[in-house]
């Protein structure tokens, strides 16, 4: 599970077992975790522990870094 981005205390990562799914990113901070789809739009798929304001901040980061995250996804999964 490579961490592809660290920003504002959040770790953004991919799981190698997720290759069959559409592009997405897992986000962790402490014991909290969330999963966001990257396409066709950034969208929360699941949340475990983050408060609404944290999810809004994470979504803003993802939108800011969407090109980098998609490039990293494609490189990691060989697409």
N, C-alpha and C. Protein backbone atom coordinates (compact mmCIF):
# COMPACT_ATOMS: atom_id res chain seq x y z
N UNK A 1 0.84 -1.16 0.00
CA UNK A 1 0.00 0.00 0.00
C UNK A 1 0.89 1.24 0.00
N UNK A 2 1.17 1.75 -1.18
CA UNK A 2 2.04 2.94 -1.24
C UNK A 2 1.30 4.20 -0.84
N UNK A 3 1.95 4.99 -0.04
CA UNK A 3 1.43 6.32 0.28
C UNK A 3 1.88 7.22 -0.86
N UNK A 4 0.94 7.78 -1.60
CA UNK A 4 1.29 8.58 -2.77
C UNK A 4 1.28 10.07 -2.48
N UNK A 5 0.69 10.46 -1.35
CA UNK A 5 0.63 11.88 -1.00
C UNK A 5 0.43 12.01 0.50
N UNK A 6 1.14 12.96 1.08
CA UNK A 6 0.95 13.33 2.48
C UNK A 6 0.68 14.84 2.49
N UNK A 7 -0.44 15.20 3.07
CA UNK A 7 -0.78 16.62 3.08
C UNK A 7 -1.68 16.90 4.29
N UNK A 8 -1.31 17.93 5.05
CA UNK A 8 -2.07 18.38 6.23
C UNK A 8 -2.37 17.25 7.21
N UNK A 9 -1.42 16.33 7.33
CA UNK A 9 -1.56 15.23 8.28
C UNK A 9 -2.30 14.02 7.74
N UNK A 10 -2.81 14.11 6.52
CA UNK A 10 -3.53 12.99 5.90
C UNK A 10 -2.58 12.20 5.02
N UNK A 11 -2.77 10.89 4.99
CA UNK A 11 -2.02 10.01 4.09
C UNK A 11 -2.98 9.49 3.02
N UNK A 12 -2.59 9.66 1.77
CA UNK A 12 -3.40 9.23 0.63
C UNK A 12 -2.69 8.03 0.01
N UNK A 13 -3.42 6.93 -0.17
CA UNK A 13 -2.77 5.69 -0.61
C UNK A 13 -3.68 4.85 -1.48
N UNK A 14 -3.05 3.88 -2.13
CA UNK A 14 -3.75 2.87 -2.93
C UNK A 14 -3.46 1.51 -2.32
N UNK A 15 -4.39 0.56 -2.50
CA UNK A 15 -4.16 -0.83 -2.13
C UNK A 15 -3.95 -1.63 -3.42
N UNK A 16 -2.95 -2.46 -3.46
CA UNK A 16 -2.66 -3.23 -4.67
C UNK A 16 -3.81 -4.15 -5.06
N UNK A 17 -4.64 -4.53 -4.12
CA UNK A 17 -5.76 -5.43 -4.42
C UNK A 17 -6.93 -4.70 -5.08
N UNK A 18 -6.83 -3.39 -5.25
CA UNK A 18 -7.93 -2.60 -5.79
C UNK A 18 -7.86 -2.38 -7.30
N UNK A 19 -7.01 -3.09 -7.99
CA UNK A 19 -6.78 -2.86 -9.42
C UNK A 19 -8.05 -3.00 -10.26
N UNK A 20 -8.97 -3.84 -9.86
CA UNK A 20 -10.18 -4.08 -10.66
C UNK A 20 -11.24 -2.99 -10.45
N UNK A 21 -11.05 -2.13 -9.48
CA UNK A 21 -12.01 -1.08 -9.19
C UNK A 21 -11.66 0.20 -9.97
N UNK A 22 -12.64 1.09 -10.13
CA UNK A 22 -12.32 2.39 -10.74
C UNK A 22 -11.32 3.15 -9.87
N UNK A 23 -10.63 4.13 -10.45
CA UNK A 23 -9.64 4.89 -9.68
C UNK A 23 -10.24 5.51 -8.41
N UNK A 24 -9.53 5.32 -7.32
CA UNK A 24 -9.94 5.86 -6.04
C UNK A 24 -8.74 5.97 -5.12
N UNK A 25 -8.93 6.61 -4.00
CA UNK A 25 -7.85 6.78 -3.05
C UNK A 25 -8.39 6.52 -1.64
N UNK A 26 -7.55 5.90 -0.83
CA UNK A 26 -7.84 5.69 0.58
C UNK A 26 -7.11 6.79 1.35
N UNK A 27 -7.77 7.34 2.35
CA UNK A 27 -7.20 8.42 3.15
C UNK A 27 -7.21 7.99 4.61
N UNK A 28 -6.07 8.19 5.27
CA UNK A 28 -5.99 7.83 6.69
C UNK A 28 -5.36 8.96 7.48
N UNK A 29 -5.80 9.06 8.71
CA UNK A 29 -5.19 9.96 9.69
C UNK A 29 -5.49 9.34 11.05
N UNK A 30 -4.44 8.89 11.72
CA UNK A 30 -4.64 8.17 12.98
C UNK A 30 -5.46 6.92 12.73
N UNK A 31 -6.54 6.75 13.46
CA UNK A 31 -7.41 5.57 13.29
C UNK A 31 -8.57 5.82 12.34
N UNK A 32 -8.63 7.01 11.78
CA UNK A 32 -9.72 7.37 10.87
C UNK A 32 -9.35 6.95 9.45
N UNK A 33 -10.36 6.58 8.66
CA UNK A 33 -10.11 6.17 7.27
C UNK A 33 -11.31 6.52 6.41
N UNK A 34 -11.03 6.82 5.16
CA UNK A 34 -12.09 7.09 4.19
C UNK A 34 -11.62 6.63 2.82
N UNK A 35 -12.58 6.46 1.93
CA UNK A 35 -12.29 6.08 0.55
C UNK A 35 -13.06 7.03 -0.36
N UNK A 36 -12.36 7.59 -1.33
CA UNK A 36 -12.97 8.51 -2.29
C UNK A 36 -12.75 8.01 -3.70
N UNK A 37 -13.82 7.98 -4.49
CA UNK A 37 -13.69 7.74 -5.93
C UNK A 37 -13.06 8.98 -6.55
N UNK A 38 -12.25 8.78 -7.58
CA UNK A 38 -11.62 9.90 -8.27
C UNK A 38 -12.33 10.26 -9.57
N UNK A 39 -13.03 9.31 -10.16
CA UNK A 39 -13.74 9.53 -11.42
C UNK A 39 -15.12 8.91 -11.33
N UNK A 40 -16.13 9.40 -12.02
CA UNK A 40 -16.07 10.55 -12.92
C UNK A 40 -15.96 11.88 -12.18
N UNK A 41 -16.35 11.90 -10.91
CA UNK A 41 -16.15 13.08 -10.05
C UNK A 41 -15.65 12.59 -8.70
N UNK A 42 -15.00 13.45 -7.96
CA UNK A 42 -14.56 13.09 -6.61
C UNK A 42 -15.80 12.87 -5.75
N UNK A 43 -15.87 11.68 -5.13
CA UNK A 43 -17.07 11.31 -4.39
C UNK A 43 -16.71 10.39 -3.23
N UNK A 44 -17.22 10.68 -2.06
CA UNK A 44 -16.97 9.85 -0.89
C UNK A 44 -17.65 8.50 -1.05
N UNK A 45 -16.88 7.42 -0.90
CA UNK A 45 -17.43 6.07 -0.98
C UNK A 45 -17.69 5.50 0.42
N UNK A 46 -16.74 5.74 1.34
CA UNK A 46 -16.93 5.23 2.70
C UNK A 46 -16.15 6.10 3.68
N UNK A 47 -16.60 6.10 4.92
CA UNK A 47 -15.96 6.90 5.96
C UNK A 47 -16.00 6.13 7.27
N UNK A 48 -14.87 6.16 7.95
CA UNK A 48 -14.80 5.56 9.28
C UNK A 48 -14.08 6.54 10.21
N UNK A 49 -14.88 7.41 10.83
CA UNK A 49 -14.34 8.26 11.87
C UNK A 49 -14.11 9.72 11.55
N UNK A 50 -14.03 10.10 10.29
CA UNK A 50 -13.81 11.51 9.97
C UNK A 50 -15.10 12.30 10.18
N UNK A 51 -14.97 13.50 10.69
CA UNK A 51 -16.10 14.41 10.85
C UNK A 51 -16.36 15.13 9.53
N UNK A 52 -17.56 15.67 9.37
CA UNK A 52 -17.90 16.33 8.10
C UNK A 52 -16.90 17.41 7.66
N UNK A 53 -16.41 18.24 8.59
CA UNK A 53 -15.46 19.28 8.18
C UNK A 53 -14.13 18.67 7.70
N UNK A 54 -13.74 17.53 8.28
CA UNK A 54 -12.52 16.86 7.82
C UNK A 54 -12.73 16.28 6.42
N UNK A 55 -13.89 15.69 6.18
CA UNK A 55 -14.19 15.15 4.85
C UNK A 55 -14.20 16.25 3.81
N UNK A 56 -14.71 17.42 4.16
CA UNK A 56 -14.68 18.56 3.23
C UNK A 56 -13.25 18.97 2.93
N UNK A 57 -12.39 18.99 3.94
CA UNK A 57 -10.98 19.34 3.74
C UNK A 57 -10.29 18.30 2.86
N UNK A 58 -10.54 17.02 3.13
CA UNK A 58 -9.94 15.95 2.32
C UNK A 58 -10.40 16.07 0.87
N UNK A 59 -11.68 16.32 0.67
CA UNK A 59 -12.18 16.45 -0.70
C UNK A 59 -11.52 17.63 -1.41
N UNK A 60 -11.33 18.74 -0.72
CA UNK A 60 -10.63 19.88 -1.32
C UNK A 60 -9.21 19.51 -1.72
N UNK A 61 -8.51 18.77 -0.87
CA UNK A 61 -7.15 18.33 -1.19
C UNK A 61 -7.17 17.45 -2.43
N UNK A 62 -8.09 16.50 -2.47
CA UNK A 62 -8.17 15.60 -3.63
C UNK A 62 -8.43 16.39 -4.91
N UNK A 63 -9.34 17.34 -4.86
CA UNK A 63 -9.63 18.15 -6.05
C UNK A 63 -8.38 18.93 -6.47
N UNK A 64 -7.65 19.48 -5.51
CA UNK A 64 -6.41 20.21 -5.81
C UNK A 64 -5.37 19.30 -6.45
N UNK A 65 -5.33 18.04 -6.04
CA UNK A 65 -4.28 17.10 -6.45
C UNK A 65 -4.79 16.04 -7.43
N UNK A 66 -5.96 16.23 -8.03
CA UNK A 66 -6.59 15.18 -8.83
C UNK A 66 -5.69 14.69 -9.96
N UNK A 67 -5.03 15.59 -10.67
CA UNK A 67 -4.17 15.15 -11.77
C UNK A 67 -3.04 14.27 -11.26
N UNK A 68 -2.40 14.69 -10.19
CA UNK A 68 -1.32 13.90 -9.61
C UNK A 68 -1.82 12.53 -9.14
N UNK A 69 -2.97 12.50 -8.48
CA UNK A 69 -3.51 11.24 -7.97
C UNK A 69 -3.87 10.29 -9.11
N UNK A 70 -4.47 10.81 -10.17
CA UNK A 70 -4.81 9.94 -11.31
C UNK A 70 -3.55 9.45 -12.02
N UNK A 71 -2.56 10.31 -12.19
CA UNK A 71 -1.29 9.87 -12.78
C UNK A 71 -0.65 8.79 -11.92
N UNK A 72 -0.69 8.97 -10.61
CA UNK A 72 -0.10 7.99 -9.69
C UNK A 72 -0.87 6.67 -9.76
N UNK A 73 -2.19 6.73 -9.83
CA UNK A 73 -3.02 5.53 -9.96
C UNK A 73 -2.62 4.77 -11.22
N UNK A 74 -2.57 5.48 -12.34
CA UNK A 74 -2.25 4.84 -13.61
C UNK A 74 -0.85 4.25 -13.61
N UNK A 75 0.10 4.94 -13.03
CA UNK A 75 1.47 4.41 -12.94
C UNK A 75 1.52 3.18 -12.05
N UNK A 76 0.85 3.25 -10.91
CA UNK A 76 0.88 2.13 -9.96
C UNK A 76 0.24 0.86 -10.54
N UNK A 77 -0.88 1.04 -11.24
CA UNK A 77 -1.59 -0.11 -11.78
C UNK A 77 -1.24 -0.40 -13.24
N UNK A 78 -0.24 0.31 -13.77
CA UNK A 78 0.26 0.01 -15.12
C UNK A 78 -0.72 0.30 -16.23
N UNK A 79 -1.42 1.40 -16.11
CA UNK A 79 -2.40 1.77 -17.15
C UNK A 79 -1.92 2.94 -17.95
